[in-house]
Amino acid sequence: MARERTITATKEKPKRSWKQFKRYIPVYLLMLPGLIYLFINNYMPLPGLVVAFKQYNARKGIYGSDWVGFKNFEYLFATDDAWIITRNTILYNTAFIIVNTVLAIAVAIILSELWGKAKNFYQSAILLPYLISSVIIGYLVFAFFSVENGFVNNAILPLFGKEAVSWYSEPKYWPFIIVFVAAWKSVGYNCIIYLSTLLGFDRAFYESAQIDGATKLQQIRFITLPLLKPTVIMLTLMAVGRIFYSDFGLFYQVPMNQGALYATTQTIDTYVYRGLLQLGNISMSAAAGVYQSIIGFVLILAANLLVRKLDKDSALW
């Protein structure tokens, strides 16, 4: 009898699986464009990683070019700039993760308290900078910091009795300018995920807290932030995985490619790009990409391991 039940259950299982598959066909169709893009953009180029270990020659092709081993990687470390570009890339991205996360959560909390047309207006307004090209942002920044006609030199500094500053020849100011511009550009986009998470919280928590006499700050501290914790950790881990990558447009267009600012604005991406303009070596560019990917992979594994030790339920895997 038990054997017959087992056979019957085995026959019914494929039927249920097929019914479940048919039920979710619309969802799979919605996933299909993203999966196709992911396959074409991320997986099809993987065999081309061999270029990083070859001296690429267009006539010989990728697999026919001469094998040079790790010589292409020496390009990133053979100069005195290796430490500077690595330091800048890591420190800038660390600052972006911290500042953008804090501001995005704050903006999301504020927007979640608004209703009606005001909420739609402010949400659209803060998202607008993310949609602006880096080239346009570069000229907007130039309009503020131009030596002769800039708004800061002509309207703000005179109010405090300060003389005009040659912003594009003073590297010490640019870490703050870059971080500010990055936050202005990205916070609106980053807060969307936090806002959607906030709107999904059960309002009963807040109603109970209000009945108990909790202030708005206490509700944020003891309800909102703990509930946002998994989302914050997930997005932070994803950002850590790209900590060796930089926003090329931000670091190339905003400082206007000024040589005097290289000490504080040059990252791995811009360094490789400038090197390619001078040398035209595709293999070196591929080596830089492999280097960034490996370090990013190691960092995200380490960060997830750390999170797993501190709070197992918050880790990605």
C-alpha atoms as a PDB file:
ATOM      1  CA  MET A   1       0.000   0.000   0.000  1.00  0.00           C
ATOM      2  CA  ALA A   2       2.769   2.397   0.950  1.00  0.00           C
ATOM      3  CA  ARG A   3       4.597   1.511  -2.271  1.00  0.00           C
ATOM      4  CA  GLU A   4       1.527   2.368  -4.352  1.00  0.00           C
ATOM      5  CA  ARG A   5       1.248   5.762  -2.630  1.00  0.00           C
ATOM      6  CA  THR A   6       4.891   6.451  -3.386  1.00  0.00           C
ATOM      7  CA  ILE A   7       4.408   5.616  -7.075  1.00  0.00           C
ATOM      8  CA  THR A   8       1.263   7.764  -7.242  1.00  0.00           C
ATOM      9  CA  ALA A   9       3.025  10.716  -5.564  1.00  0.00           C
ATOM     10  CA  THR A  10       5.943  10.378  -7.996  1.00  0.00           C
ATOM     11  CA  LYS A  11       3.570  10.546 -10.961  1.00  0.00           C
ATOM     12  CA  GLU A  12       1.691  13.554  -9.564  1.00  0.00           C
ATOM     13  CA  LYS A  13       4.842  15.549  -8.770  1.00  0.00           C
ATOM     14  CA  PRO A  14       5.838  16.245 -12.402  1.00  0.00           C
ATOM     15  CA  LYS A  15       2.245  17.282 -13.125  1.00  0.00           C
ATOM     16  CA  ARG A  16       2.283  19.784 -10.259  1.00  0.00           C
ATOM     17  CA  SER A  17       5.674  21.089 -11.373  1.00  0.00           C
ATOM     18  CA  TRP A  18       4.389  21.632 -14.919  1.00  0.00           C
ATOM     19  CA  LYS A  19       1.291  23.397 -13.599  1.00  0.00           C
ATOM     20  CA  GLN A  20       3.446  25.674 -11.433  1.00  0.00           C
ATOM     21  CA  PHE A  21       5.684  26.413 -14.418  1.00  0.00           C
ATOM     22  CA  LYS A  22       2.695  27.329 -16.594  1.00  0.00           C
ATOM     23  CA  ARG A  23       1.361  29.519 -13.819  1.00  0.00           C
ATOM     24  CA  TYR A  24       4.541  31.606 -13.690  1.00  0.00           C
ATOM     25  CA  ILE A  25       5.189  31.829 -17.434  1.00  0.00           C
ATOM     26  CA  PRO A  26       4.351  35.599 -17.481  1.00  0.00           C
ATOM     27  CA  VAL A  27       6.953  36.158 -14.740  1.00  0.00           C
ATOM     28  CA  TYR A  28       9.562  34.173 -16.668  1.00  0.00           C
ATOM     29  CA  LEU A  29       8.829  36.227 -19.787  1.00  0.00           C
ATOM     30  CA  LEU A  30       9.407  39.400 -17.795  1.00  0.00           C
ATOM     31  CA  MET A  31      12.713  37.968 -16.591  1.00  0.00           C
ATOM     32  CA  LEU A  32      13.822  36.932 -20.078  1.00  0.00           C
ATOM     33  CA  PRO A  33      15.091  40.326 -21.389  1.00  0.00           C
ATOM     34  CA  GLY A  34      17.166  40.837 -18.246  1.00  0.00           C
ATOM     35  CA  LEU A  35      18.589  37.326 -18.413  1.00  0.00           C
ATOM     36  CA  ILE A  36      19.452  37.733 -22.098  1.00  0.00           C
ATOM     37  CA  TYR A  37      21.188  41.036 -21.377  1.00  0.00           C
ATOM     38  CA  LEU A  38      23.063  39.491 -18.446  1.00  0.00           C
ATOM     39  CA  PHE A  39      24.216  36.584 -20.598  1.00  0.00           C
ATOM     40  CA  ILE A  40      25.337  38.766 -23.520  1.00  0.00           C
ATOM     41  CA  ASN A  41      26.955  41.492 -21.429  1.00  0.00           C
ATOM     42  CA  ASN A  42      28.486  39.470 -18.581  1.00  0.00           C
ATOM     43  CA  TYR A  43      28.992  35.864 -19.673  1.00  0.00           C
ATOM     44  CA  MET A  44      29.664  35.875 -23.405  1.00  0.00           C
ATOM     45  CA  PRO A  45      32.771  38.108 -23.040  1.00  0.00           C
ATOM     46  CA  LEU A  46      34.366  35.827 -20.408  1.00  0.00           C
ATOM     47  CA  PRO A  47      36.511  33.858 -22.914  1.00  0.00           C
ATOM     48  CA  GLY A  48      37.992  37.206 -23.959  1.00  0.00           C
ATOM     49  CA  LEU A  49      39.702  37.514 -20.566  1.00  0.00           C
ATOM     50  CA  VAL A  50      42.624  35.716 -22.140  1.00  0.00           C
ATOM     51  CA  VAL A  51      43.513  39.051 -23.781  1.00  0.00           C
ATOM     52  CA  ALA A  52      44.865  40.184 -20.404  1.00  0.00           C
ATOM     53  CA  PHE A  53      47.607  37.559 -20.706  1.00  0.00           C
ATOM     54  CA  LYS A  54      48.492  38.215 -24.343  1.00  0.00           C
ATOM     55  CA  GLN A  55      50.058  40.933 -26.447  1.00  0.00           C
ATOM     56  CA  TYR A  56      46.990  41.593 -28.536  1.00  0.00           C
ATOM     57  CA  ASN A  57      47.493  41.911 -32.260  1.00  0.00           C
ATOM     58  CA  ALA A  58      44.428  42.652 -34.391  1.00  0.00           C
ATOM     59  CA  ARG A  59      45.853  40.723 -37.341  1.00  0.00           C
ATOM     60  CA  LYS A  60      46.451  37.568 -35.305  1.00  0.00           C
ATOM     61  CA  GLY A  61      43.220  37.812 -33.333  1.00  0.00           C
ATOM     62  CA  ILE A  62      42.591  37.149 -29.661  1.00  0.00           C
ATOM     63  CA  TYR A  63      43.685  33.518 -29.545  1.00  0.00           C
ATOM     64  CA  GLY A  64      46.445  33.872 -32.106  1.00  0.00           C
ATOM     65  CA  SER A  65      48.237  36.717 -30.330  1.00  0.00           C
ATOM     66  CA  ASP A  66      51.487  36.065 -28.458  1.00  0.00           C
ATOM     67  CA  TRP A  67      51.254  34.895 -24.848  1.00  0.00           C
ATOM     68  CA  VAL A  68      53.021  37.252 -22.409  1.00  0.00           C
ATOM     69  CA  GLY A  69      51.776  35.973 -19.053  1.00  0.00           C
ATOM     70  CA  PHE A  70      51.547  38.600 -16.325  1.00  0.00           C
ATOM     71  CA  LYS A  71      53.539  41.314 -18.089  1.00  0.00           C
ATOM     72  CA  ASN A  72      50.407  43.328 -18.796  1.00  0.00           C
ATOM     73  CA  PHE A  73      49.682  43.505 -15.074  1.00  0.00           C
ATOM     74  CA  GLU A  74      53.055  45.135 -14.480  1.00  0.00           C
ATOM     75  CA  TYR A  75      51.634  48.220 -16.184  1.00  0.00           C
ATOM     76  CA  LEU A  76      49.466  48.905 -13.136  1.00  0.00           C
ATOM     77  CA  PHE A  77      52.277  48.534 -10.615  1.00  0.00           C
ATOM     78  CA  ALA A  78      55.449  49.562 -12.432  1.00  0.00           C
ATOM     79  CA  THR A  79      54.998  53.312 -11.907  1.00  0.00           C
ATOM     80  CA  ASP A  80      54.923  55.579  -8.874  1.00  0.00           C
ATOM     81  CA  ASP A  81      51.243  56.263  -9.555  1.00  0.00           C
ATOM     82  CA  ALA A  82      50.172  52.708  -8.638  1.00  0.00           C
ATOM     83  CA  TRP A  83      49.763  53.494  -4.936  1.00  0.00           C
ATOM     84  CA  ILE A  84      48.029  56.829  -5.620  1.00  0.00           C
ATOM     85  CA  ILE A  85      45.387  55.461  -7.991  1.00  0.00           C
ATOM     86  CA  THR A  86      44.676  52.441  -5.768  1.00  0.00           C
ATOM     87  CA  ARG A  87      44.390  54.657  -2.682  1.00  0.00           C
ATOM     88  CA  ASN A  88      42.108  57.133  -4.429  1.00  0.00           C
ATOM     89  CA  THR A  89      39.859  54.417  -5.823  1.00  0.00           C
ATOM     90  CA  ILE A  90      39.388  52.701  -2.462  1.00  0.00           C
ATOM     91  CA  LEU A  91      39.008  55.842  -0.345  1.00  0.00           C
ATOM     92  CA  TYR A  92      36.572  57.544  -2.718  1.00  0.00           C
ATOM     93  CA  ASN A  93      34.369  54.470  -3.012  1.00  0.00           C
ATOM     94  CA  THR A  94      34.440  53.961   0.757  1.00  0.00           C
ATOM     95  CA  ALA A  95      33.341  57.577   1.234  1.00  0.00           C
ATOM     96  CA  PHE A  96      30.614  57.112  -1.401  1.00  0.00           C
ATOM     97  CA  ILE A  97      29.273  54.008   0.349  1.00  0.00           C
ATOM     98  CA  ILE A  98      29.096  55.718   3.743  1.00  0.00           C
ATOM     99  CA  VAL A  99      27.825  59.149   2.669  1.00  0.00           C
ATOM    100  CA  ASN A 100      25.382  57.923   0.028  1.00  0.00           C
ATOM    101  CA  THR A 101      23.922  55.242   2.309  1.00  0.00           C
ATOM    102  CA  VAL A 102      23.341  57.661   5.194  1.00  0.00           C
ATOM    103  CA  LEU A 103      21.830  60.346   2.948  1.00  0.00           C
ATOM    104  CA  ALA A 104      19.726  57.860   0.962  1.00  0.00           C
ATOM    105  CA  ILE A 105      18.201  56.434   4.152  1.00  0.00           C
ATOM    106  CA  ALA A 106      17.549  59.932   5.519  1.00  0.00           C
ATOM    107  CA  VAL A 107      15.895  61.083   2.290  1.00  0.00           C
ATOM    108  CA  ALA A 108      13.829  57.891   2.073  1.00  0.00           C
ATOM    109  CA  ILE A 109      12.561  58.382   5.632  1.00  0.00           C
ATOM    110  CA  ILE A 110      11.631  61.998   4.900  1.00  0.00           C
ATOM    111  CA  LEU A 111       9.838  61.060   1.676  1.00  0.00           C
ATOM    112  CA  SER A 112       7.938  58.277   3.430  1.00  0.00           C
ATOM    113  CA  GLU A 113       6.416  60.905   5.722  1.00  0.00           C
ATOM    114  CA  LEU A 114       5.133  63.011   2.814  1.00  0.00           C
ATOM    115  CA  TRP A 115       1.863  62.484   0.985  1.00  0.00           C
ATOM    116  CA  GLY A 116       0.176  63.584  -2.209  1.00  0.00           C
ATOM    117  CA  LYS A 117       1.650  65.843  -4.868  1.00  0.00           C
ATOM    118  CA  ALA A 118       4.470  67.103  -2.648  1.00  0.00           C
ATOM    119  CA  LYS A 119       5.893  63.577  -2.367  1.00  0.00           C
ATOM    120  CA  ASN A 120       5.784  63.029  -6.141  1.00  0.00           C
ATOM    121  CA  PHE A 121       7.420  66.402  -6.789  1.00  0.00           C
ATOM    122  CA  TYR A 122      10.301  65.932  -4.343  1.00  0.00           C
ATOM    123  CA  GLN A 123      10.882  62.341  -5.427  1.00  0.00           C
ATOM    124  CA  SER A 124      11.160  63.433  -9.065  1.00  0.00           C
ATOM    125  CA  ALA A 125      13.358  66.412  -8.156  1.00  0.00           C
ATOM    126  CA  ILE A 126      15.960  64.378  -6.264  1.00  0.00           C
ATOM    127  CA  LEU A 127      16.002  61.689  -8.963  1.00  0.00           C
ATOM    128  CA  LEU A 128      16.670  64.191 -11.764  1.00  0.00           C
ATOM    129  CA  PRO A 129      20.464  64.560 -11.148  1.00  0.00           C
ATOM    130  CA  TYR A 130      20.937  60.807 -11.669  1.00  0.00           C
ATOM    131  CA  LEU A 131      19.554  61.168 -15.191  1.00  0.00           C
ATOM    132  CA  ILE A 132      21.916  64.000 -16.138  1.00  0.00           C
ATOM    133  CA  SER A 133      24.982  63.149 -18.201  1.00  0.00           C
ATOM    134  CA  SER A 134      28.390  63.360 -16.522  1.00  0.00           C
ATOM    135  CA  VAL A 135      29.479  65.796 -19.236  1.00  0.00           C
ATOM    136  CA  ILE A 136      26.672  68.202 -18.309  1.00  0.00           C
ATOM    137  CA  ILE A 137      27.440  67.777 -14.616  1.00  0.00           C
ATOM    138  CA  GLY A 138      31.067  68.614 -15.363  1.00  0.00           C
ATOM    139  CA  TYR A 139      30.023  71.930 -16.921  1.00  0.00           C
ATOM    140  CA  LEU A 140      27.605  72.646 -14.058  1.00  0.00           C
ATOM    141  CA  VAL A 141      30.477  72.195 -11.604  1.00  0.00           C
ATOM    142  CA  PHE A 142      32.648  74.390 -13.817  1.00  0.00           C
ATOM    143  CA  ALA A 143      29.980  77.095 -13.675  1.00  0.00           C
ATOM    144  CA  PHE A 144      30.331  77.080  -9.893  1.00  0.00           C
ATOM    145  CA  PHE A 145      34.110  76.827  -9.635  1.00  0.00           C
ATOM    146  CA  SER A 146      35.404  78.661 -12.706  1.00  0.00           C
ATOM    147  CA  VAL A 147      38.183  81.051 -11.670  1.00  0.00           C
ATOM    148  CA  GLU A 148      36.919  84.045 -13.650  1.00  0.00           C
ATOM    149  CA  ASN A 149      33.145  83.587 -13.923  1.00  0.00           C
ATOM    150  CA  GLY A 150      32.374  80.958 -11.304  1.00  0.00           C
ATOM    151  CA  PHE A 151      29.478  81.488  -8.907  1.00  0.00           C
ATOM    152  CA  VAL A 152      31.579  80.627  -5.840  1.00  0.00           C
ATOM    153  CA  ASN A 153      34.388  83.074  -6.647  1.00  0.00           C
ATOM    154  CA  ASN A 154      32.087  85.905  -7.688  1.00  0.00           C
ATOM    155  CA  ALA A 155      29.123  85.584  -5.341  1.00  0.00           C
ATOM    156  CA  ILE A 156      29.995  83.540  -2.240  1.00  0.00           C
ATOM    157  CA  LEU A 157      33.642  84.202  -1.360  1.00  0.00           C
ATOM    158  CA  PRO A 158      33.320  88.035  -1.547  1.00  0.00           C
ATOM    159  CA  LEU A 159      30.595  87.861   1.135  1.00  0.00           C
ATOM    160  CA  PHE A 160      33.196  86.490   3.557  1.00  0.00           C
ATOM    161  CA  GLY A 161      35.977  88.784   2.390  1.00  0.00           C
ATOM    162  CA  LYS A 162      37.875  85.935   0.738  1.00  0.00           C
ATOM    163  CA  GLU A 163      39.888  86.147  -2.438  1.00  0.00           C
ATOM    164  CA  ALA A 164      39.097  84.085  -5.519  1.00  0.00           C
ATOM    165  CA  VAL A 165      40.444  80.531  -5.506  1.00  0.00           C
ATOM    166  CA  SER A 166      41.887  78.743  -8.524  1.00  0.00           C
ATOM    167  CA  TRP A 167      39.837  75.620  -7.894  1.00  0.00           C
ATOM    168  CA  TYR A 168      41.110  73.674 -10.900  1.00  0.00           C
ATOM    169  CA  SER A 169      44.740  73.955  -9.814  1.00  0.00           C
ATOM    170  CA  GLU A 170      44.222  73.168  -6.093  1.00  0.00           C
ATOM    171  CA  PRO A 171      44.004  69.387  -5.525  1.00  0.00           C
ATOM    172  CA  LYS A 172      43.225  69.701  -1.795  1.00  0.00           C
ATOM    173  CA  TYR A 173      39.648  70.877  -2.391  1.00  0.00           C
ATOM    174  CA  TRP A 174      38.603  68.139  -4.778  1.00  0.00           C
ATOM    175  CA  PRO A 175      38.021  65.191  -2.444  1.00  0.00           C
ATOM    176  CA  PHE A 176      35.180  67.205  -0.889  1.00  0.00           C
ATOM    177  CA  ILE A 177      33.875  68.422  -4.253  1.00  0.00           C
ATOM    178  CA  ILE A 178      33.894  64.909  -5.749  1.00  0.00           C
ATOM    179  CA  VAL A 179      32.116  63.369  -2.748  1.00  0.00           C
ATOM    180  CA  PHE A 180      29.522  66.170  -2.735  1.00  0.00           C
ATOM    181  CA  VAL A 181      28.825  65.864  -6.476  1.00  0.00           C
ATOM    182  CA  ALA A 182      28.604  62.057  -6.232  1.00  0.00           C
ATOM    183  CA  ALA A 183      26.101  62.330  -3.378  1.00  0.00           C
ATOM    184  CA  TRP A 184      24.031  64.951  -5.216  1.00  0.00           C
ATOM    185  CA  LYS A 185      23.930  62.737  -8.292  1.00  0.00           C
ATOM    186  CA  SER A 186      23.296  59.355  -6.685  1.00  0.00           C
ATOM    187  CA  VAL A 187      21.255  59.837  -3.516  1.00  0.00           C
ATOM    188  CA  GLY A 188      17.949  60.217  -5.376  1.00  0.00           C
ATOM    189  CA  TYR A 189      18.436  56.897  -7.149  1.00  0.00           C
ATOM    190  CA  ASN A 190      19.759  55.067  -4.099  1.00  0.00           C
ATOM    191  CA  CYS A 191      16.869  56.159  -1.898  1.00  0.00           C
ATOM    192  CA  ILE A 192      14.297  54.525  -4.206  1.00  0.00           C
ATOM    193  CA  ILE A 193      15.110  51.044  -2.898  1.00  0.00           C
ATOM    194  CA  TYR A 194      15.027  52.204   0.716  1.00  0.00           C
ATOM    195  CA  LEU A 195      11.784  54.082   0.106  1.00  0.00           C
ATOM    196  CA  SER A 196      10.097  51.056  -1.463  1.00  0.00           C
ATOM    197  CA  THR A 197      11.255  48.959   1.505  1.00  0.00           C
ATOM    198  CA  LEU A 198       9.936  51.533   3.974  1.00  0.00           C
ATOM    199  CA  LEU A 199       6.534  51.644   2.310  1.00  0.00           C
ATOM    200  CA  GLY A 200       6.281  47.879   2.713  1.00  0.00           C
ATOM    201  CA  PHE A 201       6.636  47.960   6.500  1.00  0.00           C
ATOM    202  CA  ASP A 202       3.598  47.066   8.589  1.00  0.00           C
ATOM    203  CA  ARG A 203       2.165  50.358   9.884  1.00  0.00           C
ATOM    204  CA  ALA A 204       0.926  48.525  12.990  1.00  0.00           C
ATOM    205  CA  PHE A 205       4.447  48.805  14.428  1.00  0.00           C
ATOM    206  CA  TYR A 206       4.324  52.592  14.232  1.00  0.00           C
ATOM    207  CA  GLU A 207       0.764  52.830  15.498  1.00  0.00           C
ATOM    208  CA  SER A 208       1.659  50.731  18.532  1.00  0.00           C
ATOM    209  CA  ALA A 209       4.725  52.906  19.153  1.00  0.00           C
ATOM    210  CA  GLN A 210       2.610  56.067  18.967  1.00  0.00           C
ATOM    211  CA  ILE A 211       0.159  54.637  21.481  1.00  0.00           C
ATOM    212  CA  ASP A 212       3.090  53.911  23.804  1.00  0.00           C
ATOM    213  CA  GLY A 213       4.215  57.530  23.465  1.00  0.00           C
ATOM    214  CA  ALA A 214       7.265  57.016  21.222  1.00  0.00           C
ATOM    215  CA  THR A 215       8.505  60.119  19.430  1.00  0.00           C
ATOM    216  CA  LYS A 216       9.232  60.164  15.698  1.00  0.00           C
ATOM    217  CA  LEU A 217      12.993  59.878  16.318  1.00  0.00           C
ATOM    218  CA  GLN A 218      12.431  56.918  18.626  1.00  0.00           C
ATOM    219  CA  GLN A 219      10.282  55.234  15.961  1.00  0.00           C
ATOM    220  CA  ILE A 220      13.067  55.724  13.425  1.00  0.00           C
ATOM    221  CA  ARG A 221      15.719  54.409  15.794  1.00  0.00           C
ATOM    222  CA  PHE A 222      13.900  51.354  17.168  1.00  0.00           C
ATOM    223  CA  ILE A 223      11.607  50.408  14.262  1.00  0.00           C
ATOM    224  CA  THR A 224      12.684  51.855  10.915  1.00  0.00           C
ATOM    225  CA  LEU A 225      16.439  51.348  11.111  1.00  0.00           C
ATOM    226  CA  PRO A 226      16.306  47.747  12.435  1.00  0.00           C
ATOM    227  CA  LEU A 227      13.813  46.797   9.725  1.00  0.00           C
ATOM    228  CA  LEU A 228      16.027  48.437   7.076  1.00  0.00           C
ATOM    229  CA  LYS A 229      19.109  46.564   8.271  1.00  0.00           C
ATOM    230  CA  PRO A 230      18.909  43.620   5.791  1.00  0.00           C
ATOM    231  CA  THR A 231      18.456  45.987   2.844  1.00  0.00           C
ATOM    232  CA  VAL A 232      21.359  48.185   3.959  1.00  0.00           C
ATOM    233  CA  ILE A 233      23.650  45.172   4.337  1.00  0.00           C
ATOM    234  CA  MET A 234      22.679  43.740   0.939  1.00  0.00           C
ATOM    235  CA  LEU A 235      23.274  47.024  -0.911  1.00  0.00           C
ATOM    236  CA  THR A 236      26.512  47.654   0.997  1.00  0.00           C
ATOM    237  CA  LEU A 237      27.868  44.219   0.103  1.00  0.00           C
ATOM    238  CA  MET A 238      27.058  44.858  -3.561  1.00  0.00           C
ATOM    239  CA  ALA A 239      28.819  48.226  -3.359  1.00  0.00           C
ATOM    240  CA  VAL A 240      31.865  46.648  -1.700  1.00  0.00           C
ATOM    241  CA  GLY A 241      32.128  44.250  -4.635  1.00  0.00           C
ATOM    242  CA  ARG A 242      32.650  47.265  -6.933  1.00  0.00           C
ATOM    243  CA  ILE A 243      34.918  49.228  -4.619  1.00  0.00           C
ATOM    244  CA  PHE A 244      37.793  48.891  -7.100  1.00  0.00           C
ATOM    245  CA  TYR A 245      35.676  50.419  -9.849  1.00  0.00           C
ATOM    246  CA  SER A 246      34.999  54.120 -10.109  1.00  0.00           C
ATOM    247  CA  ASP A 247      32.492  56.302 -11.894  1.00  0.00           C
ATOM    248  CA  PHE A 248      34.608  57.168 -14.917  1.00  0.00           C
ATOM    249  CA  GLY A 249      32.481  60.151 -15.931  1.00  0.00           C
ATOM    250  CA  LEU A 250      32.637  61.596 -12.420  1.00  0.00           C
ATOM    251  CA  PHE A 251      36.417  61.418 -12.151  1.00  0.00           C
ATOM    252  CA  TYR A 252      37.205  62.338 -15.741  1.00  0.00           C
ATOM    253  CA  GLN A 253      34.564  64.889 -16.743  1.00  0.00           C
ATOM    254  CA  VAL A 254      33.968  66.777 -13.487  1.00  0.00           C
ATOM    255  CA  PRO A 255      37.654  67.728 -12.855  1.00  0.00           C
ATOM    256  CA  MET A 256      37.864  68.627 -16.580  1.00  0.00           C
ATOM    257  CA  ASN A 257      40.865  66.299 -16.998  1.00  0.00           C
ATOM    258  CA  GLN A 258      43.156  68.834 -15.314  1.00  0.00           C
ATOM    259  CA  GLY A 259      46.665  67.462 -14.828  1.00  0.00           C
ATOM    260  CA  ALA A 260      47.130  69.505 -11.641  1.00  0.00           C
ATOM    261  CA  LEU A 261      44.337  67.516  -9.978  1.00  0.00           C
ATOM    262  CA  TYR A 262      45.591  64.011 -10.806  1.00  0.00           C
ATOM    263  CA  ALA A 263      46.953  63.487  -7.281  1.00  0.00           C
ATOM    264  CA  THR A 264      43.449  63.551  -5.781  1.00  0.00           C
ATOM    265  CA  THR A 265      41.139  62.762  -8.707  1.00  0.00           C
ATOM    266  CA  GLN A 266      42.888  60.008 -10.630  1.00  0.00           C
ATOM    267  CA  THR A 267      41.560  56.482 -10.142  1.00  0.00           C
ATOM    268  CA  ILE A 268      42.363  53.138 -11.743  1.00  0.00           C
ATOM    269  CA  ASP A 269      39.774  53.623 -14.490  1.00  0.00           C
ATOM    270  CA  THR A 270      40.922  57.101 -15.516  1.00  0.00           C
ATOM    271  CA  TYR A 271      44.589  56.096 -15.267  1.00  0.00           C
ATOM    272  CA  VAL A 272      44.075  53.149 -17.611  1.00  0.00           C
ATOM    273  CA  TYR A 273      42.027  55.294 -20.012  1.00  0.00           C
ATOM    274  CA  ARG A 274      44.714  57.956 -20.189  1.00  0.00           C
ATOM    275  CA  GLY A 275      47.340  55.264 -20.615  1.00  0.00           C
ATOM    276  CA  LEU A 276      45.382  53.737 -23.510  1.00  0.00           C
ATOM    277  CA  LEU A 277      45.093  57.123 -25.196  1.00  0.00           C
ATOM    278  CA  GLN A 278      48.865  57.365 -25.152  1.00  0.00           C
ATOM    279  CA  LEU A 279      49.817  53.700 -25.722  1.00  0.00           C
ATOM    280  CA  GLY A 280      46.761  52.191 -27.412  1.00  0.00           C
ATOM    281  CA  ASN A 281      47.388  48.872 -25.651  1.00  0.00           C
ATOM    282  CA  ILE A 282      44.166  46.841 -25.365  1.00  0.00           C
ATOM    283  CA  SER A 283      45.845  44.049 -23.388  1.00  0.00           C
ATOM    284  CA  MET A 284      46.746  46.426 -20.563  1.00  0.00           C
ATOM    285  CA  SER A 285      43.155  47.596 -20.344  1.00  0.00           C
ATOM    286  CA  ALA A 286      41.961  43.985 -20.135  1.00  0.00           C
ATOM    287  CA  ALA A 287      44.522  43.297 -17.395  1.00  0.00           C
ATOM    288  CA  ALA A 288      43.169  46.221 -15.386  1.00  0.00           C
ATOM    289  CA  GLY A 289      39.645  44.850 -15.719  1.00  0.00           C
ATOM    290  CA  VAL A 290      40.723  41.391 -14.528  1.00  0.00           C
ATOM    291  CA  TYR A 291      42.612  42.923 -11.603  1.00  0.00           C
ATOM    292  CA  GLN A 292      39.578  44.974 -10.546  1.00  0.00           C
ATOM    293  CA  SER A 293      37.215  42.013 -10.871  1.00  0.00           C
ATOM    294  CA  ILE A 294      39.373  39.648  -8.810  1.00  0.00           C
ATOM    295  CA  ILE A 295      39.909  42.174  -6.016  1.00  0.00           C
ATOM    296  CA  GLY A 296      36.188  43.028  -6.006  1.00  0.00           C
ATOM    297  CA  PHE A 297      35.281  39.338  -5.798  1.00  0.00           C
ATOM    298  CA  VAL A 298      37.658  38.804  -2.870  1.00  0.00           C
ATOM    299  CA  LEU A 299      36.347  41.894  -1.076  1.00  0.00           C
ATOM    300  CA  ILE A 300      32.694  40.904  -1.355  1.00  0.00           C
ATOM    301  CA  LEU A 301      33.509  37.394  -0.085  1.00  0.00           C
ATOM    302  CA  ALA A 302      35.399  38.883   2.863  1.00  0.00           C
ATOM    303  CA  ALA A 303      32.632  41.380   3.633  1.00  0.00           C
ATOM    304  CA  ASN A 304      29.961  38.675   3.486  1.00  0.00           C
ATOM    305  CA  LEU A 305      32.064  36.444   5.746  1.00  0.00           C
ATOM    306  CA  LEU A 306      32.372  39.279   8.265  1.00  0.00           C
ATOM    307  CA  VAL A 307      28.619  39.929   8.175  1.00  0.00           C
ATOM    308  CA  ARG A 308      27.968  36.201   8.537  1.00  0.00           C
ATOM    309  CA  LYS A 309      30.053  36.073  11.706  1.00  0.00           C
ATOM    310  CA  LEU A 310      28.344  39.127  13.206  1.00  0.00           C
ATOM    311  CA  ASP A 311      24.777  38.349  12.082  1.00  0.00           C
ATOM    312  CA  LYS A 312      24.217  35.134  10.163  1.00  0.00           C
ATOM    313  CA  ASP A 313      20.695  36.031   9.069  1.00  0.00           C
ATOM    314  CA  SER A 314      21.866  39.254   7.363  1.00  0.00           C
ATOM    315  CA  ALA A 315      24.482  37.605   5.117  1.00  0.00           C
ATOM    316  CA  LEU A 316      23.784  37.095   1.430  1.00  0.00           C
ATOM    317  CA  TRP A 317      24.809  33.434   1.595  1.00  0.00           C
END
